[in-house]
Amino acid sequence: MEAFESFISSINALVWGPPMLVMILGVGLFLSIGLKLMPVLKLRAGFQLMWKGRTGAESEGEIPPFQALMTALSATVGTGNIAGVATAVFLGGPGALFWMWLTALVGMATKYSEAVLAVRFREVDERGAYTGGPMYYIRNGLGKKWAWLGVLFAIFAAVAAFGIGNTVQANSVADVLETNFNLPHWVTGLVLMVLVGLVLIGGIKRIGQVASTLVPSMAIAYILVGLMVLAINAEQIPNAIAMVFTHAFSPVAAEGGFAGAAVWAAVRFGVARGIFSNEAGLGSAPIAHAAAQTKNPINQGMVAMLGTFIDTIIVCSITGLVIISSGAWTSGETGAALTSLAFETGLPGFGNYVVAISLAIFAFTTIIGWSFYGERCIEFLFGVKAIVPYRVIWILAIPVGATINLGLIWLIADTLNAMMALPNLVALLLLSPVVFKLTREHFEKERSVGVS
């Protein structure tokens, strides 16, 4: 087992090494330039489309555009926003937050392009359901000679889902509930199994409804409490922001329980944890956006890009600034424990419970969001007959994840995440002319209508 773990570790170091981080940032930068920075410049228009998309005005699709975004956000707003940010700061110093921001800004173009292609090349399956994502835009956009790449993506995603989207999340919830409420791991596992099972029975429509209720309310509550802590630490905020920018480009010395970090550590952990949190480039979110009730790929792309902005620029920034401004980043704690300590420092007797409850709900929504991703990948590989067996295995994996040591599973999931990204990034580069053409035509038409 040790030899196997060592083998997976070496693959992980390879797939998450400098070439992968450069590729993810490079593809995002290339798409940003090709789109003439449209995702950043049209941010306000994206929020307007999201608000209008609360009801599905158009018939083609499964769920309203807003619910598609919330389903995608349900899968991305999870442990990465609480534990992932803390780990990035612990390993890379305050400068890691800067590289998370940069990853998000170029990631908006990546997420936009993924959703545009997902809607443009989606299909209707034998049940009459709209289905899409990287495996479909690879097959339908690049042609049959590239179909093998879509199959690889579907295999990696279907298996990786059990790590990033299931067992790791269940384990995080079990840990945090035991620490704060003395709830045994097996109890958390069983409760989660029942709750997730009840949601999955209803398919994507039920997932969309639950996500559109839980995600906004929990995210807003977490942000408000985070802002309260920042208000309490107001005097430290200028210094915290200065550290973020300073240590993005200069090493940070050891201090207290913080071991010190080189600039490369800030870049590596900032980019890697940023991608883990917002999933731009992984190819997961377009699977949800392909189900949106829309005829317009550009509109859904503009709604989709908000996922990266909300996840990283808003939620992760709150977490990161609370950790740095509270001084907890030098405590020697890491992961969710570090975030808990930072909130508890600002709001004694209350802050740690906010983090515990937020993490539990975020992780629950991640489990239901990723179940849909895995389901669609299994359907692509084996047809609709494989969906129910996959759901059953998915539900049974939850209590297992909640009760076992996940070191190796986390490592395998993290490795498969990078391997998911590779086929998707290749497809985004090869299909970028389609994205640029559709975008240009859409805005030219908008301008001509405006002039007339």
Protein backbone atom coordinates (compact mmCIF):
# COMPACT_ATOMS: atom_id res chain seq x y z
CA MET A 1 0.00 0.00 0.00
CA GLU A 2 2.86 2.38 0.80
CA ALA A 3 4.41 1.72 -2.62
CA PHE A 4 1.06 2.43 -4.30
CA GLU A 5 0.62 5.66 -2.32
CA SER A 6 4.16 6.71 -3.24
CA PHE A 7 3.37 5.99 -6.92
CA ILE A 8 0.18 8.11 -6.79
CA SER A 9 2.10 10.89 -4.99
CA SER A 10 4.67 11.01 -7.76
CA ILE A 11 1.92 11.21 -10.43
CA ASN A 12 0.19 13.92 -8.37
CA ALA A 13 3.39 15.98 -8.20
CA LEU A 14 3.74 15.61 -11.97
CA VAL A 15 0.14 16.49 -12.96
CA TRP A 16 -0.09 19.40 -10.49
CA GLY A 17 3.44 20.62 -11.27
CA PRO A 18 4.43 23.88 -13.01
CA PRO A 19 3.33 22.75 -16.53
CA MET A 20 -0.29 22.16 -15.37
CA LEU A 21 -0.51 25.44 -13.44
CA VAL A 22 0.99 27.33 -16.40
CA MET A 23 -1.46 25.58 -18.76
CA ILE A 24 -4.53 26.44 -16.68
CA LEU A 25 -3.48 30.07 -16.25
CA GLY A 26 -2.27 30.22 -19.87
CA VAL A 27 -5.54 28.93 -21.34
CA GLY A 28 -7.49 31.38 -19.15
CA LEU A 29 -5.26 34.27 -20.24
CA PHE A 30 -5.50 33.26 -23.91
CA LEU A 31 -9.31 33.11 -23.71
CA SER A 32 -9.43 36.44 -21.80
CA ILE A 33 -7.39 38.17 -24.51
CA GLY A 34 -9.37 36.47 -27.31
CA LEU A 35 -12.60 37.69 -25.70
CA LYS A 36 -11.07 41.19 -25.25
CA LEU A 37 -11.57 40.97 -21.45
CA MET A 38 -15.35 40.70 -21.99
CA PRO A 39 -15.99 38.51 -18.89
CA VAL A 40 -14.55 41.19 -16.58
CA LEU A 41 -15.99 44.16 -18.50
CA LYS A 42 -19.50 42.61 -18.75
CA LEU A 43 -19.72 41.53 -15.12
CA ARG A 44 -22.72 43.79 -14.39
CA ALA A 45 -24.57 42.45 -17.46
CA GLY A 46 -23.89 38.92 -16.18
CA PHE A 47 -25.55 39.69 -12.83
CA GLN A 48 -28.55 41.20 -14.66
CA LEU A 49 -28.92 38.03 -16.76
CA MET A 50 -28.64 35.88 -13.62
CA TRP A 51 -31.45 37.85 -11.96
CA LYS A 52 -33.67 37.58 -15.06
CA GLY A 53 -32.88 33.85 -15.29
CA ARG A 54 -34.61 32.92 -12.03
CA THR A 55 -37.47 31.47 -14.08
CA GLY A 56 -36.94 29.51 -17.27
CA ALA A 57 -38.48 31.79 -19.88
CA GLU A 58 -37.27 29.58 -22.71
CA SER A 59 -38.34 25.99 -23.11
CA GLU A 60 -35.15 24.26 -24.31
CA GLY A 61 -33.48 22.78 -21.24
CA GLU A 62 -34.14 21.23 -17.86
CA ILE A 63 -33.82 24.02 -15.28
CA PRO A 64 -33.84 27.87 -15.26
CA PRO A 65 -30.45 29.58 -15.91
CA PHE A 66 -30.28 30.76 -12.27
CA GLN A 67 -30.74 27.18 -11.01
CA ALA A 68 -28.03 25.98 -13.41
CA LEU A 69 -25.64 28.54 -11.89
CA MET A 70 -26.65 27.56 -8.35
CA THR A 71 -26.14 23.86 -9.19
CA ALA A 72 -22.65 24.68 -10.48
CA LEU A 73 -22.00 26.86 -7.42
CA SER A 74 -23.32 24.13 -5.12
CA ALA A 75 -20.49 21.94 -6.39
CA THR A 76 -17.81 24.65 -6.22
CA VAL A 77 -18.68 26.47 -2.98
CA GLY A 78 -17.48 23.80 -0.57
CA THR A 79 -14.51 22.86 1.54
CA GLY A 80 -12.23 24.76 -0.87
CA ASN A 81 -13.69 28.07 0.30
CA ILE A 82 -13.11 27.32 3.97
CA ALA A 83 -10.37 24.69 4.30
CA GLY A 84 -8.74 25.23 0.88
CA VAL A 85 -8.08 28.95 1.37
CA ALA A 86 -6.69 28.29 4.84
CA THR A 87 -4.35 25.60 3.48
CA ALA A 88 -3.15 27.95 0.71
CA VAL A 89 -2.33 30.69 3.24
CA PHE A 90 -0.73 28.18 5.66
CA LEU A 91 1.55 26.72 2.95
CA GLY A 92 2.09 29.76 0.71
CA GLY A 93 1.66 32.74 3.04
CA PRO A 94 -0.65 35.74 2.53
CA GLY A 95 0.59 36.14 -1.07
CA ALA A 96 -1.27 32.94 -2.03
CA LEU A 97 -4.52 34.94 -1.89
CA PHE A 98 -3.25 37.25 -4.68
CA TRP A 99 -2.62 34.24 -6.94
CA MET A 100 -6.10 32.90 -6.12
CA TRP A 101 -7.52 36.24 -7.31
CA LEU A 102 -5.48 36.13 -10.51
CA THR A 103 -6.60 32.55 -11.18
CA ALA A 104 -10.22 33.66 -10.75
CA LEU A 105 -9.95 36.69 -13.05
CA VAL A 106 -8.62 34.63 -15.97
CA GLY A 107 -10.81 31.70 -14.84
CA MET A 108 -13.92 33.78 -15.58
CA ALA A 109 -13.06 33.58 -19.30
CA THR A 110 -12.46 29.84 -18.96
CA LYS A 111 -15.81 29.25 -17.21
CA TYR A 112 -17.61 31.47 -19.76
CA SER A 113 -16.12 29.49 -22.67
CA GLU A 114 -16.94 26.14 -21.06
CA ALA A 115 -20.63 27.08 -20.66
CA VAL A 116 -20.90 28.55 -24.19
CA LEU A 117 -19.58 25.30 -25.67
CA ALA A 118 -21.72 23.18 -23.32
CA VAL A 119 -24.97 24.81 -24.53
CA ARG A 120 -23.81 25.00 -28.18
CA PHE A 121 -22.95 21.28 -28.43
CA ARG A 122 -25.40 19.69 -25.95
CA GLU A 123 -27.68 16.78 -26.85
CA VAL A 124 -31.10 15.44 -25.87
CA ASP A 125 -30.90 11.90 -24.46
CA GLU A 126 -33.43 9.09 -24.82
CA ARG A 127 -35.35 10.37 -21.77
CA GLY A 128 -35.74 13.79 -23.42
CA ALA A 129 -33.26 15.36 -20.97
CA TYR A 130 -30.67 17.92 -22.08
CA THR A 131 -27.15 16.67 -21.47
CA GLY A 132 -23.77 18.23 -22.18
CA GLY A 133 -20.32 19.10 -20.93
CA PRO A 134 -16.72 18.61 -22.10
CA MET A 135 -17.32 15.02 -23.29
CA TYR A 136 -20.08 16.27 -25.61
CA TYR A 137 -18.35 19.39 -26.90
CA ILE A 138 -15.25 17.31 -27.57
CA ARG A 139 -17.22 14.71 -29.55
CA ASN A 140 -19.65 17.07 -31.29
CA GLY A 141 -17.31 20.05 -31.70
CA LEU A 142 -14.00 18.38 -32.55
CA GLY A 143 -15.39 15.36 -34.43
CA LYS A 144 -15.13 11.59 -34.11
CA LYS A 145 -11.33 11.47 -34.27
CA TRP A 146 -11.25 13.30 -30.91
CA ALA A 147 -14.02 11.23 -29.28
CA TRP A 148 -11.44 9.24 -27.26
CA LEU A 149 -10.52 12.47 -25.45
CA GLY A 150 -14.16 12.91 -24.38
CA VAL A 151 -14.22 9.31 -23.13
CA LEU A 152 -11.06 9.97 -21.07
CA PHE A 153 -12.64 13.07 -19.53
CA ALA A 154 -15.82 11.15 -18.63
CA ILE A 155 -13.84 8.31 -17.00
CA PHE A 156 -11.63 10.66 -14.96
CA ALA A 157 -14.61 12.81 -13.89
CA ALA A 158 -16.89 9.88 -12.95
CA VAL A 159 -14.19 8.43 -10.67
CA ALA A 160 -12.83 11.77 -9.36
CA ALA A 161 -16.37 12.73 -8.35
CA PHE A 162 -16.25 10.11 -5.57
CA GLY A 163 -13.24 11.92 -4.12
CA ILE A 164 -13.63 15.68 -4.54
CA GLY A 165 -17.44 15.54 -4.61
CA ASN A 166 -18.34 12.80 -2.17
CA THR A 167 -16.04 11.06 0.35
CA VAL A 168 -13.76 14.05 0.97
CA GLN A 169 -16.78 16.31 1.55
CA ALA A 170 -18.50 13.78 3.86
CA ASN A 171 -15.30 13.38 5.86
CA SER A 172 -14.88 17.16 6.21
CA VAL A 173 -18.45 17.50 7.54
CA ALA A 174 -17.97 14.58 9.95
CA ASP A 175 -14.70 16.08 11.27
CA VAL A 176 -16.09 19.56 11.82
CA LEU A 177 -19.34 18.33 13.46
CA GLU A 178 -17.44 16.03 15.80
CA THR A 179 -15.03 18.83 16.80
CA ASN A 180 -17.77 21.38 17.46
CA PHE A 181 -20.82 19.31 18.44
CA ASN A 182 -19.34 15.94 19.54
CA LEU A 183 -21.37 14.15 16.85
CA PRO A 184 -19.88 10.72 15.96
CA HIS A 185 -18.62 10.31 12.39
CA TRP A 186 -20.98 7.42 11.65
CA VAL A 187 -24.06 9.46 12.66
CA THR A 188 -23.03 12.28 10.29
CA GLY A 189 -22.45 9.74 7.53
CA LEU A 190 -25.90 8.16 7.89
CA VAL A 191 -27.73 11.52 8.10
CA LEU A 192 -25.90 12.80 5.02
CA MET A 193 -26.68 9.56 3.16
CA VAL A 194 -30.42 9.92 3.82
CA LEU A 195 -30.54 13.66 2.95
CA VAL A 196 -28.57 13.24 -0.28
CA GLY A 197 -30.68 10.21 -1.25
CA LEU A 198 -33.89 12.21 -0.83
CA VAL A 199 -32.56 14.95 -3.14
CA LEU A 200 -31.16 12.62 -5.81
CA ILE A 201 -34.48 10.81 -6.23
CA GLY A 202 -35.78 13.97 -7.92
CA GLY A 203 -32.90 14.25 -10.43
CA ILE A 204 -31.53 17.56 -11.78
CA LYS A 205 -34.80 19.45 -11.18
CA ARG A 206 -34.74 18.62 -7.45
CA ILE A 207 -30.99 19.34 -7.29
CA GLY A 208 -31.57 22.72 -8.96
CA GLN A 209 -34.38 23.60 -6.53
CA VAL A 210 -32.39 22.61 -3.43
CA ALA A 211 -29.24 24.35 -4.68
CA SER A 212 -31.06 27.57 -5.55
CA THR A 213 -32.47 27.69 -1.99
CA LEU A 214 -29.46 26.59 0.07
CA VAL A 215 -26.49 28.09 -1.84
CA PRO A 216 -27.55 31.78 -1.89
CA SER A 217 -28.84 31.79 1.70
CA MET A 218 -25.79 30.02 3.15
CA ALA A 219 -23.28 32.01 1.06
CA ILE A 220 -24.91 35.32 2.07
CA ALA A 221 -24.94 34.30 5.76
CA TYR A 222 -21.26 33.27 5.62
CA ILE A 223 -20.29 36.50 3.83
CA LEU A 224 -22.21 38.67 6.34
CA VAL A 225 -20.56 36.99 9.34
CA GLY A 226 -17.19 37.28 7.59
CA LEU A 227 -17.78 41.01 7.06
CA MET A 228 -18.66 41.34 10.77
CA VAL A 229 -15.29 39.79 11.68
CA LEU A 230 -13.52 42.08 9.19
CA ALA A 231 -15.32 45.09 10.72
CA ILE A 232 -14.00 44.03 14.15
CA ASN A 233 -10.49 43.67 12.64
CA ALA A 234 -10.87 46.89 10.61
CA GLU A 235 -7.56 48.38 11.79
CA GLN A 236 -5.67 45.32 10.51
CA ILE A 237 -7.25 45.20 7.03
CA PRO A 238 -4.88 47.69 5.28
CA ASN A 239 -1.91 45.73 6.63
CA ALA A 240 -3.51 42.41 5.58
CA ILE A 241 -4.09 43.65 2.01
CA ALA A 242 -0.53 45.03 1.88
CA MET A 243 0.80 41.59 2.92
CA VAL A 244 -1.24 39.89 0.19
CA PHE A 245 0.37 42.03 -2.52
CA THR A 246 3.85 42.15 -0.97
CA HIS A 247 4.18 38.41 -0.40
CA ALA A 248 2.78 37.55 -3.82
CA PHE A 249 6.22 38.59 -5.14
CA SER A 250 8.54 38.30 -2.15
CA PRO A 251 9.20 35.46 0.34
CA VAL A 252 7.60 35.54 3.77
CA ALA A 253 9.74 34.78 6.83
CA ALA A 254 8.89 32.22 9.50
CA GLU A 255 6.72 33.66 12.26
CA GLY A 256 5.07 31.91 15.22
CA GLY A 257 3.66 28.63 13.94
CA PHE A 258 4.15 29.68 10.30
CA ALA A 259 7.16 27.96 8.72
CA GLY A 260 7.89 30.64 6.11
CA ALA A 261 7.25 30.40 2.36
CA ALA A 262 9.05 31.16 -0.90
CA VAL A 263 7.33 33.06 -3.72
CA TRP A 264 6.94 29.79 -5.64
CA ALA A 265 4.90 28.37 -2.73
CA ALA A 266 2.54 31.37 -2.88
CA VAL A 267 2.10 30.89 -6.65
CA ARG A 268 1.73 27.11 -6.49
CA PHE A 269 -0.71 26.87 -3.60
CA GLY A 270 -2.62 30.02 -4.60
CA VAL A 271 -3.23 28.74 -8.14
CA ALA A 272 -3.83 25.08 -7.16
CA ARG A 273 -6.26 25.92 -4.32
CA GLY A 274 -7.92 28.60 -6.45
CA ILE A 275 -8.65 26.01 -9.14
CA PHE A 276 -9.76 23.47 -6.52
CA SER A 277 -12.20 26.06 -5.18
CA ASN A 278 -13.70 27.56 -8.36
CA GLU A 279 -13.07 24.60 -10.73
CA ALA A 280 -12.45 26.88 -13.75
CA GLY A 281 -10.81 24.65 -16.35
CA LEU A 282 -11.69 21.34 -14.69
CA GLY A 283 -14.74 20.93 -16.95
CA SER A 284 -17.24 20.16 -14.19
CA ALA A 285 -19.46 23.29 -14.18
CA PRO A 286 -20.40 23.16 -17.92
CA ILE A 287 -22.19 19.85 -17.21
CA ALA A 288 -24.67 21.82 -15.06
CA HIS A 289 -24.92 24.77 -17.46
CA ALA A 290 -25.76 22.41 -20.36
CA ALA A 291 -29.07 21.68 -18.57
CA ALA A 292 -30.12 25.36 -18.50
CA GLN A 293 -33.38 26.47 -20.13
CA THR A 294 -31.84 28.73 -22.76
CA LYS A 295 -31.42 28.98 -26.52
CA ASN A 296 -28.55 31.42 -26.19
CA PRO A 297 -25.07 29.98 -25.37
CA ILE A 298 -23.63 33.49 -24.80
CA ASN A 299 -26.21 34.43 -22.14
CA GLN A 300 -25.57 31.19 -20.25
CA GLY A 301 -21.82 31.75 -20.55
CA MET A 302 -22.22 35.18 -18.96
CA VAL A 303 -24.23 33.65 -16.11
CA ALA A 304 -21.66 30.85 -15.72
CA MET A 305 -18.66 33.19 -15.39
CA LEU A 306 -20.28 34.65 -12.24
CA GLY A 307 -19.63 31.30 -10.53
CA THR A 308 -15.88 31.94 -10.51
CA PHE A 309 -16.32 35.56 -9.40
CA ILE A 310 -18.70 34.68 -6.53
CA ASP A 311 -16.71 31.65 -5.40
CA THR A 312 -13.21 33.14 -5.35
CA ILE A 313 -13.32 36.94 -5.58
CA ILE A 314 -16.09 37.16 -2.95
CA VAL A 315 -16.27 34.04 -0.72
CA CYS A 316 -12.58 33.00 -0.76
CA SER A 317 -11.48 36.63 -0.27
CA ILE A 318 -13.64 36.92 2.86
CA THR A 319 -12.08 33.73 4.28
CA GLY A 320 -8.52 34.76 3.36
CA LEU A 321 -8.77 38.31 4.73
CA VAL A 322 -10.37 37.09 7.98
CA ILE A 323 -7.47 34.63 8.45
CA ILE A 324 -4.76 37.21 7.70
CA SER A 325 -6.30 40.21 9.51
CA SER A 326 -6.97 38.15 12.66
CA GLY A 327 -3.32 37.09 12.86
CA ALA A 328 -4.43 33.43 13.04
CA TRP A 329 -2.34 32.56 9.96
CA THR A 330 0.79 32.39 12.15
CA SER A 331 -0.86 30.07 14.72
CA GLY A 332 0.36 26.82 13.18
CA GLU A 333 -3.20 25.63 12.50
CA THR A 334 -4.23 24.71 8.95
CA GLY A 335 -7.35 23.78 6.98
CA ALA A 336 -10.81 24.27 8.48
CA ALA A 337 -9.28 24.52 11.99
CA LEU A 338 -7.39 27.66 10.92
CA THR A 339 -10.55 29.28 9.51
CA SER A 340 -12.45 28.35 12.69
CA LEU A 341 -9.74 29.94 14.84
CA ALA A 342 -9.78 33.13 12.75
CA PHE A 343 -13.59 33.51 13.02
CA GLU A 344 -13.51 32.56 16.72
CA THR A 345 -10.86 35.25 17.38
CA GLY A 346 -13.23 37.90 16.00
CA LEU A 347 -16.46 36.44 17.40
CA PRO A 348 -15.63 34.45 20.57
CA GLY A 349 -18.06 31.64 21.39
CA PHE A 350 -19.83 32.03 18.05
CA GLY A 351 -17.37 32.21 15.15
CA ASN A 352 -16.30 28.55 15.20
CA TYR A 353 -19.95 27.41 15.00
CA VAL A 354 -20.55 29.62 11.96
CA VAL A 355 -17.62 27.95 10.21
CA ALA A 356 -18.80 24.47 11.26
CA ILE A 357 -22.38 24.97 10.02
CA SER A 358 -21.23 26.73 6.82
CA LEU A 359 -18.80 23.95 6.01
CA ALA A 360 -21.46 21.29 6.66
CA ILE A 361 -24.01 22.93 4.35
CA PHE A 362 -21.44 23.84 1.67
CA ALA A 363 -20.16 20.25 1.67
CA PHE A 364 -23.72 18.84 1.49
CA THR A 365 -24.51 20.95 -1.58
CA THR A 366 -21.18 19.92 -3.14
CA ILE A 367 -22.15 16.25 -2.75
CA ILE A 368 -25.47 16.76 -4.58
CA GLY A 369 -23.89 18.95 -7.27
CA TRP A 370 -21.08 16.51 -8.03
CA SER A 371 -23.49 13.56 -8.06
CA PHE A 372 -25.07 15.14 -11.13
CA TYR A 373 -21.66 15.59 -12.79
CA GLY A 374 -20.71 11.96 -12.19
CA GLU A 375 -24.14 10.82 -13.39
CA ARG A 376 -23.85 12.65 -16.70
CA CYS A 377 -20.36 11.20 -17.27
CA ILE A 378 -21.60 7.67 -16.57
CA GLU A 379 -24.53 8.24 -18.93
CA PHE A 380 -22.09 9.36 -21.65
CA LEU A 381 -20.05 6.16 -21.18
CA PHE A 382 -22.78 3.54 -20.62
CA GLY A 383 -26.17 5.13 -21.39
CA VAL A 384 -29.11 6.05 -19.14
CA LYS A 385 -29.41 2.50 -17.75
CA ALA A 386 -26.23 3.14 -15.70
CA ILE A 387 -27.64 6.19 -13.86
CA VAL A 388 -29.60 4.40 -11.10
CA PRO A 389 -26.76 1.99 -10.16
CA TYR A 390 -24.37 4.97 -10.07
CA ARG A 391 -26.73 6.87 -7.74
CA VAL A 392 -26.96 3.88 -5.40
CA ILE A 393 -23.15 3.51 -5.21
CA TRP A 394 -22.86 7.29 -4.76
CA ILE A 395 -25.24 7.30 -1.77
CA LEU A 396 -23.55 4.26 -0.16
CA ALA A 397 -20.10 5.88 -0.50
CA ILE A 398 -21.11 8.79 1.78
CA PRO A 399 -21.04 7.00 5.18
CA VAL A 400 -17.85 5.19 4.09
CA GLY A 401 -16.19 8.54 3.36
CA ALA A 402 -17.39 9.98 6.65
CA THR A 403 -15.82 7.22 8.74
CA ILE A 404 -12.47 6.26 7.13
CA ASN A 405 -9.05 7.89 6.84
CA LEU A 406 -9.05 9.64 3.49
CA GLY A 407 -5.35 10.38 2.93
CA LEU A 408 -5.03 8.09 -0.10
CA ILE A 409 -8.52 8.84 -1.48
CA TRP A 410 -7.81 12.58 -1.29
CA LEU A 411 -4.54 12.02 -3.18
CA ILE A 412 -6.22 9.93 -5.91
CA ALA A 413 -9.08 12.46 -6.27
CA ASP A 414 -6.66 15.39 -6.48
CA THR A 415 -4.66 13.56 -9.17
CA LEU A 416 -7.78 12.68 -11.20
CA ASN A 417 -8.91 16.32 -11.00
CA ALA A 418 -5.81 17.38 -12.88
CA MET A 419 -6.31 14.55 -15.37
CA MET A 420 -9.92 15.77 -15.93
CA ALA A 421 -8.59 19.23 -16.69
CA LEU A 422 -6.18 18.10 -19.43
CA PRO A 423 -8.76 16.92 -22.04
CA ASN A 424 -10.95 19.91 -21.22
CA LEU A 425 -8.15 22.47 -21.64
CA VAL A 426 -7.11 20.92 -24.97
CA ALA A 427 -10.74 21.14 -26.16
CA LEU A 428 -11.06 24.78 -25.01
CA LEU A 429 -7.96 25.75 -27.00
CA LEU A 430 -9.08 23.89 -30.15
CA LEU A 431 -12.67 25.18 -29.93
CA SER A 432 -11.74 28.75 -28.93
CA PRO A 433 -12.47 30.04 -32.50
CA VAL A 434 -16.08 28.85 -32.04
CA VAL A 435 -16.36 30.74 -28.72
CA PHE A 436 -14.82 33.92 -30.19
CA LYS A 437 -17.08 33.77 -33.29
CA LEU A 438 -20.31 33.19 -31.32
CA THR A 439 -19.39 35.98 -28.87
CA ARG A 440 -18.50 38.46 -31.63
CA GLU A 441 -21.73 37.74 -33.56
CA HIS A 442 -23.84 38.06 -30.39
CA PHE A 443 -22.50 41.48 -29.42
CA GLU A 444 -22.51 42.76 -33.02
CA LYS A 445 -26.20 41.81 -33.22
CA GLU A 446 -26.83 43.52 -29.85
CA ARG A 447 -25.15 46.70 -31.09
CA SER A 448 -27.06 46.71 -34.40
CA VAL A 449 -30.37 46.27 -32.54
CA GLY A 450 -29.36 49.09 -30.16
CA VAL A 451 -28.48 51.43 -33.07
CA SER A 452 -31.71 50.70 -34.97
